[in-house]
Amino acid sequence: MDTKKAVEIVESLGVIEVKYNERPVWIQNINEKSNTAKVKDINTNEEFNVNIKNLVES
């Protein structure tokens, strides 16, 4: 995924399914300077930072 798309998803009023390593995640925050996102695993509530290019809209 690119940064622009990640920002669109965060700003969207709807729910858009996103995965990181096949795990469903919720994008919480985006750092456009470093192209990273803070995400939360929907199943485990684990929070971690990932490279935006590793996120996949599903």
PDB file of N, CA and C in Angstrom:
ATOM      1  N   MET A   1       0.862  -1.163   0.000  1.00  0.00           N
ATOM      2  CA  MET A   1       0.000   0.000   0.000  1.00  0.00           C
ATOM      3  C   MET A   1       0.910   1.229   0.000  1.00  0.00           C
ATOM      4  N   ASP A   2       0.427   2.315  -0.581  1.00  0.00           N
ATOM      5  CA  ASP A   2       1.194   3.553  -0.516  1.00  0.00           C
ATOM      6  C   ASP A   2       0.619   4.460   0.577  1.00  0.00           C
ATOM      7  N   THR A   3       1.384   5.473   0.930  1.00  0.00           N
ATOM      8  CA  THR A   3       0.999   6.365   2.027  1.00  0.00           C
ATOM      9  C   THR A   3      -0.312   7.079   1.749  1.00  0.00           C
ATOM     10  N   LYS A   4      -0.510   7.533   0.530  1.00  0.00           N
ATOM     11  CA  LYS A   4      -1.740   8.251   0.180  1.00  0.00           C
ATOM     12  C   LYS A   4      -2.967   7.383   0.439  1.00  0.00           C
ATOM     13  N   LYS A   5      -2.911   6.112   0.038  1.00  0.00           N
ATOM     14  CA  LYS A   5      -4.039   5.201   0.240  1.00  0.00           C
ATOM     15  C   LYS A   5      -4.268   4.968   1.734  1.00  0.00           C
ATOM     16  N   ALA A   6      -3.196   4.821   2.506  1.00  0.00           N
ATOM     17  CA  ALA A   6      -3.329   4.612   3.948  1.00  0.00           C
ATOM     18  C   ALA A   6      -4.021   5.807   4.602  1.00  0.00           C
ATOM     19  N   VAL A   7      -3.664   7.015   4.183  1.00  0.00           N
ATOM     20  CA  VAL A   7      -4.307   8.220   4.716  1.00  0.00           C
ATOM     21  C   VAL A   7      -5.787   8.225   4.354  1.00  0.00           C
ATOM     22  N   GLU A   8      -6.117   7.857   3.125  1.00  0.00           N
ATOM     23  CA  GLU A   8      -7.523   7.792   2.700  1.00  0.00           C
ATOM     24  C   GLU A   8      -8.311   6.821   3.571  1.00  0.00           C
ATOM     25  N   ILE A   9      -7.716   5.692   3.892  1.00  0.00           N
ATOM     26  CA  ILE A   9      -8.396   4.691   4.719  1.00  0.00           C
ATOM     27  C   ILE A   9      -8.639   5.237   6.122  1.00  0.00           C
ATOM     28  N   VAL A  10      -7.637   5.868   6.706  1.00  0.00           N
ATOM     29  CA  VAL A  10      -7.780   6.423   8.059  1.00  0.00           C
ATOM     30  C   VAL A  10      -8.859   7.500   8.089  1.00  0.00           C
ATOM     31  N   GLU A  11      -8.910   8.328   7.049  1.00  0.00           N
ATOM     32  CA  GLU A  11      -9.879   9.423   7.006  1.00  0.00           C
ATOM     33  C   GLU A  11     -11.266   8.986   6.550  1.00  0.00           C
ATOM     34  N   SER A  12     -11.396   7.764   6.085  1.00  0.00           N
ATOM     35  CA  SER A  12     -12.668   7.248   5.588  1.00  0.00           C
ATOM     36  C   SER A  12     -13.684   7.116   6.722  1.00  0.00           C
ATOM     37  N   LEU A  13     -14.936   7.357   6.401  1.00  0.00           N
ATOM     38  CA  LEU A  13     -16.008   7.176   7.383  1.00  0.00           C
ATOM     39  C   LEU A  13     -16.415   5.715   7.502  1.00  0.00           C
ATOM     40  N   GLY A  14     -16.065   4.910   6.524  1.00  0.00           N
ATOM     41  CA  GLY A  14     -16.423   3.499   6.527  1.00  0.00           C
ATOM     42  C   GLY A  14     -15.336   2.642   7.141  1.00  0.00           C
ATOM     43  N   VAL A  15     -15.606   1.362   7.201  1.00  0.00           N
ATOM     44  CA  VAL A  15     -14.636   0.392   7.690  1.00  0.00           C
ATOM     45  C   VAL A  15     -14.022  -0.288   6.476  1.00  0.00           C
ATOM     46  N   ILE A  16     -12.720  -0.178   6.345  1.00  0.00           N
ATOM     47  CA  ILE A  16     -12.006  -0.782   5.225  1.00  0.00           C
ATOM     48  C   ILE A  16     -11.048  -1.814   5.795  1.00  0.00           C
ATOM     49  N   GLU A  17     -11.172  -3.046   5.332  1.00  0.00           N
ATOM     50  CA  GLU A  17     -10.360  -4.133   5.851  1.00  0.00           C
ATOM     51  C   GLU A  17      -8.928  -4.008   5.348  1.00  0.00           C
ATOM     52  N   VAL A  18      -7.987  -4.046   6.296  1.00  0.00           N
ATOM     53  CA  VAL A  18      -6.560  -3.958   5.984  1.00  0.00           C
ATOM     54  C   VAL A  18      -5.861  -5.107   6.695  1.00  0.00           C
ATOM     55  N   LYS A  19      -4.867  -5.686   6.014  1.00  0.00           N
ATOM     56  CA  LYS A  19      -4.111  -6.783   6.619  1.00  0.00           C
ATOM     57  C   LYS A  19      -2.620  -6.480   6.613  1.00  0.00           C
ATOM     58  N   TYR A  20      -1.958  -7.016   7.626  1.00  0.00           N
ATOM     59  CA  TYR A  20      -0.507  -6.975   7.738  1.00  0.00           C
ATOM     60  C   TYR A  20      -0.064  -8.404   8.012  1.00  0.00           C
ATOM     61  N   ASN A  21       0.720  -8.971   7.132  1.00  0.00           N
ATOM     62  CA  ASN A  21       1.147 -10.378   7.267  1.00  0.00           C
ATOM     63  C   ASN A  21      -0.051 -11.307   7.470  1.00  0.00           C
ATOM     64  N   GLU A  22      -1.090 -11.100   6.672  1.00  0.00           N
ATOM     65  CA  GLU A  22      -2.316 -11.912   6.710  1.00  0.00           C
ATOM     66  C   GLU A  22      -3.147 -11.703   7.976  1.00  0.00           C
ATOM     67  N   ARG A  23      -2.748 -10.783   8.837  1.00  0.00           N
ATOM     68  CA  ARG A  23      -3.486 -10.502  10.073  1.00  0.00           C
ATOM     69  C   ARG A  23      -4.329  -9.252   9.872  1.00  0.00           C
ATOM     70  N   PRO A  24      -5.617  -9.282  10.231  1.00  0.00           N
ATOM     71  CA  PRO A  24      -6.443  -8.078  10.112  1.00  0.00           C
ATOM     72  C   PRO A  24      -6.002  -7.035  11.137  1.00  0.00           C
ATOM     73  N   VAL A  25      -5.801  -5.805  10.655  1.00  0.00           N
ATOM     74  CA  VAL A  25      -5.342  -4.736  11.538  1.00  0.00           C
ATOM     75  C   VAL A  25      -6.170  -3.479  11.329  1.00  0.00           C
ATOM     76  N   TRP A  26      -6.125  -2.606  12.318  1.00  0.00           N
ATOM     77  CA  TRP A  26      -6.762  -1.297  12.261  1.00  0.00           C
ATOM     78  C   TRP A  26      -5.640  -0.269  12.255  1.00  0.00           C
ATOM     79  N   ILE A  27      -5.630   0.622  11.263  1.00  0.00           N
ATOM     80  CA  ILE A  27      -4.606   1.665  11.208  1.00  0.00           C
ATOM     81  C   ILE A  27      -4.979   2.752  12.215  1.00  0.00           C
ATOM     82  N   GLN A  28      -4.083   3.001  13.162  1.00  0.00           N
ATOM     83  CA  GLN A  28      -4.352   3.990  14.201  1.00  0.00           C
ATOM     84  C   GLN A  28      -3.721   5.343  13.896  1.00  0.00           C
ATOM     85  N   ASN A  29      -2.542   5.321  13.308  1.00  0.00           N
ATOM     86  CA  ASN A  29      -1.810   6.556  13.080  1.00  0.00           C
ATOM     87  C   ASN A  29      -0.853   6.351  11.920  1.00  0.00           C
ATOM     88  N   ILE A  30      -0.576   7.431  11.179  1.00  0.00           N
ATOM     89  CA  ILE A  30       0.338   7.358  10.041  1.00  0.00           C
ATOM     90  C   ILE A  30       1.431   8.399  10.212  1.00  0.00           C
ATOM     91  N   ASN A  31       2.675   7.976   9.985  1.00  0.00           N
ATOM     92  CA  ASN A  31       3.809   8.894   9.963  1.00  0.00           C
ATOM     93  C   ASN A  31       4.264   8.988   8.511  1.00  0.00           C
ATOM     94  N   GLU A  32       3.857  10.059   7.835  1.00  0.00           N
ATOM     95  CA  GLU A  32       4.153  10.199   6.409  1.00  0.00           C
ATOM     96  C   GLU A  32       5.639  10.412   6.144  1.00  0.00           C
ATOM     97  N   LYS A  33       6.362  10.992   7.089  1.00  0.00           N
ATOM     98  CA  LYS A  33       7.802  11.222   6.892  1.00  0.00           C
ATOM     99  C   LYS A  33       8.577   9.914   6.829  1.00  0.00           C
ATOM    100  N   SER A  34       8.197   8.958   7.664  1.00  0.00           N
ATOM    101  CA  SER A  34       8.921   7.682   7.692  1.00  0.00           C
ATOM    102  C   SER A  34       8.178   6.570   6.957  1.00  0.00           C
ATOM    103  N   ASN A  35       7.009   6.893   6.392  1.00  0.00           N
ATOM    104  CA  ASN A  35       6.180   5.900   5.694  1.00  0.00           C
ATOM    105  C   ASN A  35       5.859   4.698   6.573  1.00  0.00           C
ATOM    106  N   THR A  36       5.546   4.983   7.835  1.00  0.00           N
ATOM    107  CA  THR A  36       5.166   3.922   8.759  1.00  0.00           C
ATOM    108  C   THR A  36       3.776   4.199   9.320  1.00  0.00           C
ATOM    109  N   ALA A  37       3.179   3.153   9.856  1.00  0.00           N
ATOM    110  CA  ALA A  37       1.858   3.278  10.465  1.00  0.00           C
ATOM    111  C   ALA A  37       1.839   2.515  11.781  1.00  0.00           C
ATOM    112  N   LYS A  38       1.146   3.082  12.753  1.00  0.00           N
ATOM    113  CA  LYS A  38       0.882   2.357  13.991  1.00  0.00           C
ATOM    114  C   LYS A  38      -0.418   1.611  13.750  1.00  0.00           C
ATOM    115  N   VAL A  39      -0.384   0.305  13.922  1.00  0.00           N
ATOM    116  CA  VAL A  39      -1.570  -0.514  13.690  1.00  0.00           C
ATOM    117  C   VAL A  39      -1.886  -1.340  14.927  1.00  0.00           C
ATOM    118  N   LYS A  40      -3.134  -1.799  14.971  1.00  0.00           N
ATOM    119  CA  LYS A  40      -3.594  -2.645  16.073  1.00  0.00           C
ATOM    120  C   LYS A  40      -4.181  -3.909  15.477  1.00  0.00           C
ATOM    121  N   ASP A  41      -3.686  -5.045  15.937  1.00  0.00           N
ATOM    122  CA  ASP A  41      -4.216  -6.329  15.490  1.00  0.00           C
ATOM    123  C   ASP A  41      -5.644  -6.464  16.011  1.00  0.00           C
ATOM    124  N   ILE A  42      -6.586  -6.684  15.119  1.00  0.00           N
ATOM    125  CA  ILE A  42      -7.999  -6.753  15.499  1.00  0.00           C
ATOM    126  C   ILE A  42      -8.281  -7.940  16.420  1.00  0.00           C
ATOM    127  N   ASN A  43      -7.556  -9.039  16.242  1.00  0.00           N
ATOM    128  CA  ASN A  43      -7.826 -10.243  17.032  1.00  0.00           C
ATOM    129  C   ASN A  43      -7.157 -10.239  18.405  1.00  0.00           C
ATOM    130  N   THR A  44      -5.961  -9.646  18.504  1.00  0.00           N
ATOM    131  CA  THR A  44      -5.203  -9.726  19.756  1.00  0.00           C
ATOM    132  C   THR A  44      -5.056  -8.395  20.482  1.00  0.00           C
ATOM    133  N   ASN A  45      -5.445  -7.297  19.836  1.00  0.00           N
ATOM    134  CA  ASN A  45      -5.272  -5.941  20.372  1.00  0.00           C
ATOM    135  C   ASN A  45      -3.811  -5.525  20.504  1.00  0.00           C
ATOM    136  N   GLU A  46      -2.890  -6.319  19.952  1.00  0.00           N
ATOM    137  CA  GLU A  46      -1.474  -5.962  19.952  1.00  0.00           C
ATOM    138  C   GLU A  46      -1.262  -4.746  19.046  1.00  0.00           C
ATOM    139  N   GLU A  47      -0.471  -3.791  19.513  1.00  0.00           N
ATOM    140  CA  GLU A  47      -0.163  -2.597  18.728  1.00  0.00           C
ATOM    141  C   GLU A  47       1.298  -2.641  18.309  1.00  0.00           C
ATOM    142  N   PHE A  48       1.563  -2.237  17.065  1.00  0.00           N
ATOM    143  CA  PHE A  48       2.938  -2.207  16.585  1.00  0.00           C
ATOM    144  C   PHE A  48       3.055  -1.263  15.400  1.00  0.00           C
ATOM    145  N   ASN A  49       4.284  -0.857  15.097  1.00  0.00           N
ATOM    146  CA  ASN A  49       4.572   0.017  13.969  1.00  0.00           C
ATOM    147  C   ASN A  49       5.042  -0.824  12.792  1.00  0.00           C
ATOM    148  N   VAL A  50       4.541  -0.487  11.604  1.00  0.00           N
ATOM    149  CA  VAL A  50       4.885  -1.244  10.401  1.00  0.00           C
ATOM    150  C   VAL A  50       5.168  -0.281   9.251  1.00  0.00           C
ATOM    151  N   ASN A  51       5.880  -0.777   8.262  1.00  0.00           N
ATOM    152  CA  ASN A  51       6.083  -0.015   7.040  1.00  0.00           C
ATOM    153  C   ASN A  51       4.780  -0.055   6.255  1.00  0.00           C
ATOM    154  N   ILE A  52       4.330   1.087   5.786  1.00  0.00           N
ATOM    155  CA  ILE A  52       3.046   1.159   5.084  1.00  0.00           C
ATOM    156  C   ILE A  52       3.018   0.260   3.857  1.00  0.00           C
ATOM    157  N   LYS A  53       4.156   0.098   3.185  1.00  0.00           N
ATOM    158  CA  LYS A  53       4.169  -0.735   1.979  1.00  0.00           C
ATOM    159  C   LYS A  53       3.827  -2.198   2.281  1.00  0.00           C
ATOM    160  N   ASN A  54       3.882  -2.597   3.561  1.00  0.00           N
ATOM    161  CA  ASN A  54       3.553  -3.973   3.943  1.00  0.00           C
ATOM    162  C   ASN A  54       2.085  -4.165   4.308  1.00  0.00           C
ATOM    163  N   LEU A  55       1.292  -3.095   4.224  1.00  0.00           N
ATOM    164  CA  LEU A  55      -0.147  -3.195   4.483  1.00  0.00           C
ATOM    165  C   LEU A  55      -0.870  -3.515   3.181  1.00  0.00           C
ATOM    166  N   VAL A  56      -1.918  -4.322   3.282  1.00  0.00           N
ATOM    167  CA  VAL A  56      -2.686  -4.731   2.106  1.00  0.00           C
ATOM    168  C   VAL A  56      -4.163  -4.487   2.372  1.00  0.00           C
ATOM    169  N   GLU A  57      -4.800  -3.767   1.457  1.00  0.00           N
ATOM    170  CA  GLU A  57      -6.253  -3.588   1.543  1.00  0.00           C
ATOM    171  C   GLU A  57      -6.898  -4.869   1.054  1.00  0.00           C
ATOM    172  N   SER A  58      -7.855  -5.393   1.839  1.00  0.00           N
ATOM    173  CA  SER A  58      -8.485  -6.658   1.427  1.00  0.00           C
ATOM    174  C   SER A  58      -9.971  -6.528   1.279  1.00  0.00           C
TER     175      SER A  58
END
